[in-house]
């Protein structure tokens, strides 16, 4: 079961971070260079929203399963795991702030690109922490 959950966890990471990365690194520069209108870019962002939210739900569910089924919270790298989880929660909070129709957040949502880039950087740090934590469980070389 853990192998299946790990597959879904990695699939969700690729989907969510890849989608945000595409928007921030490909779509935004393309739009700024005159490749498309602001309205087209907003439409692209709306199209990715559902995919990214499904990925986030899958990410949280699979991450929670892996956290509680593997016992890694009691290992030597528990502090790094807590940091990874807290950063992931910040990434989710920024995603919520950028996509939920909540009037007090309208000013942030009007110009989301800076927050999207910050979110991408934080997500890459979470991925790096996850890679380090995964590698720390590998057996040593003979």
N, C-alpha and C. Protein backbone atom coordinates (compact mmCIF):
# COMPACT_ATOMS: atom_id res chain seq x y z
N UNK A 1 0.82 -1.20 0.00
CA UNK A 1 0.00 0.00 0.00
C UNK A 1 0.86 1.26 0.00
N UNK A 2 2.00 1.23 0.73
CA UNK A 2 2.85 2.40 0.78
C UNK A 2 3.45 2.73 -0.59
N UNK A 3 3.75 1.70 -1.38
CA UNK A 3 4.30 1.94 -2.71
C UNK A 3 3.27 2.65 -3.59
N UNK A 4 2.02 2.27 -3.48
CA UNK A 4 0.96 2.93 -4.25
C UNK A 4 0.79 4.37 -3.80
N UNK A 5 0.80 4.59 -2.48
CA UNK A 5 0.65 5.95 -1.96
C UNK A 5 1.84 6.82 -2.35
N UNK A 6 3.04 6.23 -2.34
CA UNK A 6 4.22 6.98 -2.76
C UNK A 6 4.10 7.37 -4.24
N UNK A 7 3.59 6.45 -5.06
CA UNK A 7 3.36 6.77 -6.47
C UNK A 7 2.40 7.95 -6.60
N UNK A 8 1.28 7.92 -5.88
CA UNK A 8 0.32 9.02 -5.96
C UNK A 8 0.90 10.31 -5.39
N UNK A 9 1.71 10.20 -4.37
CA UNK A 9 2.34 11.39 -3.78
C UNK A 9 3.27 12.05 -4.80
N UNK A 10 4.10 11.24 -5.44
CA UNK A 10 5.02 11.78 -6.45
C UNK A 10 4.27 12.31 -7.67
N UNK A 11 3.22 11.63 -8.08
CA UNK A 11 2.40 12.10 -9.19
C UNK A 11 1.78 13.46 -8.87
N UNK A 12 1.30 13.61 -7.64
CA UNK A 12 0.71 14.88 -7.23
C UNK A 12 1.75 15.99 -7.19
N UNK A 13 2.95 15.68 -6.70
CA UNK A 13 4.03 16.68 -6.67
C UNK A 13 4.36 17.13 -8.09
N UNK A 14 4.49 16.19 -8.99
CA UNK A 14 4.81 16.53 -10.38
C UNK A 14 3.71 17.40 -10.98
N UNK A 15 2.47 17.04 -10.74
CA UNK A 15 1.33 17.78 -11.29
C UNK A 15 1.26 19.20 -10.73
N UNK A 16 1.32 19.32 -9.42
CA UNK A 16 1.16 20.63 -8.78
C UNK A 16 2.36 21.53 -9.08
N UNK A 17 3.55 21.06 -8.78
CA UNK A 17 4.73 21.90 -8.98
C UNK A 17 4.98 22.13 -10.47
N UNK A 18 4.75 21.11 -11.28
CA UNK A 18 4.91 21.28 -12.72
C UNK A 18 3.93 22.29 -13.30
N UNK A 19 2.69 22.26 -12.83
CA UNK A 19 1.70 23.23 -13.30
C UNK A 19 2.05 24.65 -12.93
N UNK A 20 2.44 24.85 -11.68
CA UNK A 20 2.83 26.19 -11.24
C UNK A 20 4.10 26.63 -11.96
N UNK A 21 5.04 25.71 -12.12
CA UNK A 21 6.28 26.03 -12.84
C UNK A 21 5.98 26.44 -14.28
N UNK A 22 5.12 25.72 -14.95
CA UNK A 22 4.74 26.07 -16.32
C UNK A 22 4.15 27.48 -16.38
N UNK A 23 3.23 27.78 -15.46
CA UNK A 23 2.62 29.10 -15.47
C UNK A 23 3.64 30.20 -15.21
N UNK A 24 4.52 29.98 -14.24
CA UNK A 24 5.47 31.03 -13.85
C UNK A 24 6.63 31.18 -14.82
N UNK A 25 7.08 30.08 -15.42
CA UNK A 25 8.28 30.13 -16.24
C UNK A 25 7.99 30.19 -17.75
N UNK A 26 6.88 29.63 -18.18
CA UNK A 26 6.56 29.62 -19.61
C UNK A 26 5.45 30.61 -19.95
N UNK A 27 4.30 30.45 -19.31
CA UNK A 27 3.13 31.25 -19.69
C UNK A 27 3.30 32.74 -19.39
N UNK A 28 3.83 33.08 -18.22
CA UNK A 28 3.98 34.49 -17.87
C UNK A 28 4.97 35.21 -18.79
N UNK A 29 6.18 34.67 -18.99
CA UNK A 29 7.09 35.36 -19.93
C UNK A 29 6.52 35.45 -21.35
N UNK A 30 5.83 34.41 -21.78
CA UNK A 30 5.21 34.42 -23.11
C UNK A 30 4.19 35.55 -23.20
N UNK A 31 3.40 35.69 -22.17
CA UNK A 31 2.39 36.74 -22.15
C UNK A 31 3.02 38.13 -22.11
N UNK A 32 4.07 38.30 -21.33
CA UNK A 32 4.73 39.60 -21.22
C UNK A 32 5.41 40.02 -22.52
N UNK A 33 5.81 39.04 -23.32
CA UNK A 33 6.46 39.34 -24.60
C UNK A 33 5.45 39.55 -25.71
N UNK A 34 4.17 39.58 -25.36
CA UNK A 34 3.15 39.84 -26.36
C UNK A 34 2.60 38.60 -27.02
N UNK A 35 2.92 37.44 -26.48
CA UNK A 35 2.46 36.19 -27.07
C UNK A 35 0.98 35.93 -26.84
N UNK A 36 0.41 36.58 -25.86
CA UNK A 36 -1.00 36.38 -25.57
C UNK A 36 -1.53 37.50 -24.70
N UNK A 37 -2.81 37.65 -24.70
CA UNK A 37 -3.42 38.71 -23.91
C UNK A 37 -3.47 38.32 -22.43
N UNK A 38 -3.67 39.31 -21.59
CA UNK A 38 -3.83 39.05 -20.16
C UNK A 38 -5.04 38.15 -19.92
N UNK A 39 -6.07 38.33 -20.73
CA UNK A 39 -7.28 37.50 -20.60
C UNK A 39 -6.97 36.03 -20.93
N UNK A 40 -6.15 35.81 -21.95
CA UNK A 40 -5.77 34.44 -22.30
C UNK A 40 -4.97 33.80 -21.17
N UNK A 41 -4.10 34.58 -20.55
CA UNK A 41 -3.31 34.07 -19.44
C UNK A 41 -4.19 33.75 -18.24
N UNK A 42 -5.17 34.60 -17.98
CA UNK A 42 -6.12 34.32 -16.88
C UNK A 42 -6.89 33.04 -17.17
N UNK A 43 -7.28 32.83 -18.42
CA UNK A 43 -7.98 31.61 -18.80
C UNK A 43 -7.12 30.38 -18.60
N UNK A 44 -5.86 30.50 -18.93
CA UNK A 44 -4.92 29.39 -18.74
C UNK A 44 -4.78 29.08 -17.25
N UNK A 45 -4.69 30.12 -16.45
CA UNK A 45 -4.59 29.94 -15.00
C UNK A 45 -5.85 29.27 -14.43
N UNK A 46 -7.01 29.69 -14.91
CA UNK A 46 -8.26 29.08 -14.46
C UNK A 46 -8.31 27.60 -14.84
N UNK A 47 -7.82 27.29 -16.04
CA UNK A 47 -7.81 25.90 -16.49
C UNK A 47 -6.94 25.00 -15.63
N UNK A 48 -5.81 25.54 -15.18
CA UNK A 48 -4.92 24.76 -14.34
C UNK A 48 -5.44 24.64 -12.91
N UNK A 49 -6.29 25.55 -12.49
CA UNK A 49 -6.74 25.61 -11.10
C UNK A 49 -7.32 24.27 -10.62
N UNK A 50 -8.23 23.69 -11.38
CA UNK A 50 -8.85 22.42 -10.96
C UNK A 50 -7.84 21.29 -10.89
N UNK A 51 -6.97 21.23 -11.87
CA UNK A 51 -5.95 20.18 -11.89
C UNK A 51 -5.03 20.33 -10.68
N UNK A 52 -4.63 21.55 -10.39
CA UNK A 52 -3.72 21.78 -9.27
C UNK A 52 -4.41 21.47 -7.95
N UNK A 53 -5.69 21.81 -7.82
CA UNK A 53 -6.38 21.52 -6.56
C UNK A 53 -6.60 20.03 -6.35
N UNK A 54 -6.89 19.30 -7.40
CA UNK A 54 -6.99 17.84 -7.28
C UNK A 54 -5.63 17.28 -6.85
N UNK A 55 -4.58 17.79 -7.44
CA UNK A 55 -3.24 17.38 -7.06
C UNK A 55 -2.92 17.69 -5.61
N UNK A 56 -3.33 18.86 -5.13
CA UNK A 56 -3.07 19.22 -3.73
C UNK A 56 -3.81 18.30 -2.76
N UNK A 57 -5.06 17.98 -3.08
CA UNK A 57 -5.82 17.07 -2.21
C UNK A 57 -5.13 15.70 -2.18
N UNK A 58 -4.74 15.21 -3.34
CA UNK A 58 -4.04 13.93 -3.43
C UNK A 58 -2.71 13.99 -2.67
N UNK A 59 -2.02 15.11 -2.77
CA UNK A 59 -0.74 15.28 -2.09
C UNK A 59 -0.90 15.21 -0.57
N UNK A 60 -1.88 15.92 -0.05
CA UNK A 60 -2.11 15.92 1.39
C UNK A 60 -2.55 14.53 1.88
N UNK A 61 -3.46 13.91 1.15
CA UNK A 61 -3.96 12.59 1.56
C UNK A 61 -2.85 11.55 1.52
N UNK A 62 -2.10 11.50 0.44
CA UNK A 62 -1.03 10.51 0.34
C UNK A 62 0.10 10.82 1.33
N UNK A 63 0.40 12.10 1.51
CA UNK A 63 1.44 12.48 2.48
C UNK A 63 1.06 12.09 3.90
N UNK A 64 -0.21 12.32 4.27
CA UNK A 64 -0.66 11.94 5.61
C UNK A 64 -0.57 10.43 5.80
N UNK A 65 -0.98 9.68 4.77
CA UNK A 65 -0.89 8.21 4.87
C UNK A 65 0.57 7.78 5.06
N UNK A 66 1.45 8.32 4.24
CA UNK A 66 2.86 7.93 4.34
C UNK A 66 3.47 8.34 5.67
N UNK A 67 3.08 9.49 6.17
CA UNK A 67 3.60 9.98 7.44
C UNK A 67 3.25 9.04 8.59
N UNK A 68 2.00 8.63 8.63
CA UNK A 68 1.55 7.82 9.76
C UNK A 68 1.80 6.32 9.59
N UNK A 69 1.97 5.86 8.36
CA UNK A 69 2.15 4.42 8.16
C UNK A 69 3.62 4.00 8.19
N UNK A 70 4.53 4.93 8.00
CA UNK A 70 5.94 4.56 7.93
C UNK A 70 6.71 4.79 9.22
N UNK A 71 6.17 5.62 10.12
CA UNK A 71 6.85 5.88 11.38
C UNK A 71 8.05 6.78 11.27
N UNK A 72 8.17 7.54 10.18
CA UNK A 72 9.34 8.39 10.00
C UNK A 72 9.39 9.57 10.97
N UNK A 73 8.26 9.89 11.60
CA UNK A 73 8.25 11.01 12.56
C UNK A 73 9.12 10.71 13.77
N UNK A 74 9.46 9.46 13.98
CA UNK A 74 10.25 9.09 15.14
C UNK A 74 11.71 8.82 14.78
N UNK A 75 12.08 9.12 13.53
CA UNK A 75 13.45 8.86 13.09
C UNK A 75 14.38 10.01 13.44
N UNK A 76 15.62 9.85 13.02
CA UNK A 76 16.64 10.84 13.35
C UNK A 76 16.45 12.16 12.61
N UNK A 77 15.68 12.15 11.53
CA UNK A 77 15.46 13.37 10.75
C UNK A 77 14.07 13.95 10.95
N UNK A 78 13.48 13.72 12.11
CA UNK A 78 12.12 14.20 12.38
C UNK A 78 12.02 15.72 12.26
N UNK A 79 13.06 16.43 12.67
CA UNK A 79 13.05 17.90 12.57
C UNK A 79 12.96 18.38 11.13
N UNK A 80 13.71 17.73 10.24
CA UNK A 80 13.63 18.08 8.82
C UNK A 80 12.26 17.75 8.24
N UNK A 81 11.70 16.66 8.68
CA UNK A 81 10.37 16.28 8.22
C UNK A 81 9.33 17.31 8.65
N UNK A 82 9.44 17.78 9.88
CA UNK A 82 8.52 18.81 10.36
C UNK A 82 8.69 20.09 9.55
N UNK A 83 9.94 20.47 9.25
CA UNK A 83 10.19 21.66 8.42
C UNK A 83 9.58 21.48 7.04
N UNK A 84 9.72 20.30 6.47
CA UNK A 84 9.14 20.01 5.15
C UNK A 84 7.62 20.15 5.19
N UNK A 85 7.00 19.60 6.22
CA UNK A 85 5.54 19.67 6.34
C UNK A 85 5.09 21.12 6.51
N UNK A 86 5.79 21.88 7.35
CA UNK A 86 5.42 23.29 7.56
C UNK A 86 5.57 24.11 6.28
N UNK A 87 6.65 23.88 5.55
CA UNK A 87 6.81 24.59 4.27
C UNK A 87 5.73 24.18 3.27
N UNK A 88 5.38 22.91 3.27
CA UNK A 88 4.31 22.45 2.38
C UNK A 88 2.99 23.13 2.74
N UNK A 89 2.73 23.31 4.03
CA UNK A 89 1.51 24.02 4.45
C UNK A 89 1.53 25.48 4.02
N UNK A 90 2.70 26.10 4.03
CA UNK A 90 2.82 27.49 3.52
C UNK A 90 2.50 27.51 2.03
N UNK A 91 3.03 26.54 1.29
CA UNK A 91 2.74 26.45 -0.15
C UNK A 91 1.23 26.32 -0.39
N UNK A 92 0.58 25.48 0.40
CA UNK A 92 -0.86 25.29 0.26
C UNK A 92 -1.60 26.57 0.62
N UNK A 93 -1.16 27.25 1.68
CA UNK A 93 -1.80 28.51 2.08
C UNK A 93 -1.68 29.57 0.99
N UNK A 94 -0.52 29.67 0.37
CA UNK A 94 -0.35 30.64 -0.72
C UNK A 94 -1.24 30.25 -1.89
N UNK A 95 -1.33 28.97 -2.17
CA UNK A 95 -2.21 28.51 -3.26
C UNK A 95 -3.66 28.86 -2.96
N UNK A 96 -4.07 28.68 -1.72
CA UNK A 96 -5.43 29.06 -1.32
C UNK A 96 -5.64 30.56 -1.51
N UNK A 97 -4.68 31.35 -1.06
CA UNK A 97 -4.81 32.80 -1.17
C UNK A 97 -4.92 33.26 -2.61
N UNK A 98 -4.27 32.55 -3.51
CA UNK A 98 -4.29 32.94 -4.92
C UNK A 98 -5.52 32.46 -5.67
N UNK A 99 -6.21 31.45 -5.14
CA UNK A 99 -7.26 30.87 -5.97
C UNK A 99 -8.67 30.92 -5.39
N UNK A 100 -8.80 31.15 -4.11
CA UNK A 100 -10.15 31.19 -3.55
C UNK A 100 -10.81 32.54 -3.77
N UNK A 101 -12.09 32.54 -4.12
CA UNK A 101 -12.79 33.82 -4.34
C UNK A 101 -13.16 34.47 -3.01
N UNK A 102 -12.19 35.12 -2.40
CA UNK A 102 -12.37 35.77 -1.10
C UNK A 102 -12.00 37.25 -1.26
N UNK A 103 -12.96 38.16 -1.17
CA UNK A 103 -12.73 39.57 -1.49
C UNK A 103 -11.51 40.23 -0.81
N UNK A 104 -11.21 39.96 0.46
CA UNK A 104 -10.02 40.59 1.03
C UNK A 104 -8.70 40.20 0.35
N UNK A 105 -8.72 39.11 -0.40
CA UNK A 105 -7.51 38.68 -1.10
C UNK A 105 -7.46 39.15 -2.55
N UNK A 106 -8.42 39.93 -2.95
CA UNK A 106 -8.53 40.35 -4.36
C UNK A 106 -7.28 41.09 -4.83
N UNK A 107 -6.67 41.90 -3.98
CA UNK A 107 -5.47 42.64 -4.41
C UNK A 107 -4.31 41.69 -4.69
N UNK A 108 -4.18 40.63 -3.89
CA UNK A 108 -3.14 39.63 -4.15
C UNK A 108 -3.43 38.86 -5.44
N UNK A 109 -4.70 38.55 -5.65
CA UNK A 109 -5.09 37.76 -6.80
C UNK A 109 -5.01 38.54 -8.11
N UNK A 110 -5.04 39.86 -8.03
CA UNK A 110 -4.97 40.67 -9.25
C UNK A 110 -3.60 40.58 -9.90
N UNK A 111 -2.56 40.48 -9.11
CA UNK A 111 -1.18 40.36 -9.62
C UNK A 111 -0.50 39.19 -8.92
N UNK A 112 -0.82 37.97 -9.34
CA UNK A 112 -0.37 36.79 -8.59
C UNK A 112 1.06 36.33 -8.87
N UNK A 113 1.74 36.94 -9.83
CA UNK A 113 2.97 36.34 -10.34
C UNK A 113 4.10 36.30 -9.32
N UNK A 114 4.24 37.34 -8.51
CA UNK A 114 5.30 37.32 -7.50
C UNK A 114 5.06 36.20 -6.49
N UNK A 115 3.82 36.09 -6.01
CA UNK A 115 3.51 35.02 -5.06
C UNK A 115 3.65 33.64 -5.70
N UNK A 116 3.31 33.53 -6.98
CA UNK A 116 3.48 32.23 -7.67
C UNK A 116 4.95 31.84 -7.72
N UNK A 117 5.81 32.81 -7.96
CA UNK A 117 7.25 32.51 -8.01
C UNK A 117 7.78 32.14 -6.63
N UNK A 118 7.34 32.86 -5.60
CA UNK A 118 7.74 32.52 -4.24
C UNK A 118 7.24 31.11 -3.90
N UNK A 119 6.01 30.83 -4.28
CA UNK A 119 5.42 29.51 -4.02
C UNK A 119 6.21 28.42 -4.73
N UNK A 120 6.63 28.68 -5.94
CA UNK A 120 7.42 27.71 -6.70
C UNK A 120 8.75 27.45 -6.00
N UNK A 121 9.40 28.50 -5.54
CA UNK A 121 10.67 28.34 -4.83
C UNK A 121 10.49 27.52 -3.55
N UNK A 122 9.45 27.84 -2.79
CA UNK A 122 9.17 27.07 -1.57
C UNK A 122 8.87 25.61 -1.89
N UNK A 123 8.12 25.37 -2.96
CA UNK A 123 7.80 24.00 -3.36
C UNK A 123 9.06 23.24 -3.75
N UNK A 124 9.99 23.90 -4.41
CA UNK A 124 11.25 23.24 -4.77
C UNK A 124 12.08 22.91 -3.53
N UNK A 125 12.01 23.77 -2.51
CA UNK A 125 12.70 23.47 -1.25
C UNK A 125 12.06 22.25 -0.59
N UNK A 126 10.73 22.18 -0.62
CA UNK A 126 10.02 21.01 -0.06
C UNK A 126 10.45 19.74 -0.79
N UNK A 127 10.56 19.82 -2.11
CA UNK A 127 10.99 18.66 -2.90
C UNK A 127 12.42 18.26 -2.53
N UNK A 128 13.30 19.25 -2.38
CA UNK A 128 14.69 18.96 -2.00
C UNK A 128 14.75 18.29 -0.63
N UNK A 129 13.97 18.80 0.32
CA UNK A 129 13.92 18.17 1.64
C UNK A 129 13.40 16.73 1.55
N UNK A 130 12.37 16.53 0.72
CA UNK A 130 11.83 15.18 0.53
C UNK A 130 12.86 14.24 -0.07
N UNK A 131 13.61 14.74 -1.05
CA UNK A 131 14.65 13.90 -1.66
C UNK A 131 15.73 13.54 -0.65
N UNK A 132 16.13 14.52 0.16
CA UNK A 132 17.14 14.26 1.19
C UNK A 132 16.64 13.23 2.20
N UNK A 133 15.41 13.43 2.65
CA UNK A 133 14.83 12.49 3.63
C UNK A 133 14.70 11.09 3.05
N UNK A 134 14.30 10.99 1.79
CA UNK A 134 14.19 9.67 1.15
C UNK A 134 15.56 9.01 1.02
N UNK A 135 16.55 9.80 0.62
CA UNK A 135 17.91 9.25 0.45
C UNK A 135 18.51 8.83 1.78
N UNK A 136 18.10 9.50 2.86
CA UNK A 136 18.66 9.14 4.17
C UNK A 136 18.19 7.78 4.66
N UNK A 137 17.15 7.24 4.04
CA UNK A 137 16.63 5.91 4.42
C UNK A 137 17.21 4.79 3.56
N UNK A 138 18.04 5.16 2.59
CA UNK A 138 18.67 4.14 1.75
C UNK A 138 19.76 3.42 2.54
N UNK A 139 19.94 2.14 2.28
CA UNK A 139 21.02 1.43 2.98
C UNK A 139 22.37 1.94 2.51
N UNK A 140 23.37 1.93 3.41
CA UNK A 140 24.71 2.37 3.00
C UNK A 140 25.31 1.43 1.97
N UNK A 141 26.26 1.96 1.18
CA UNK A 141 26.95 1.14 0.19
C UNK A 141 27.80 0.10 0.90
N UNK A 142 27.87 -1.10 0.33
CA UNK A 142 28.70 -2.15 0.97
C UNK A 142 30.17 -1.87 0.81
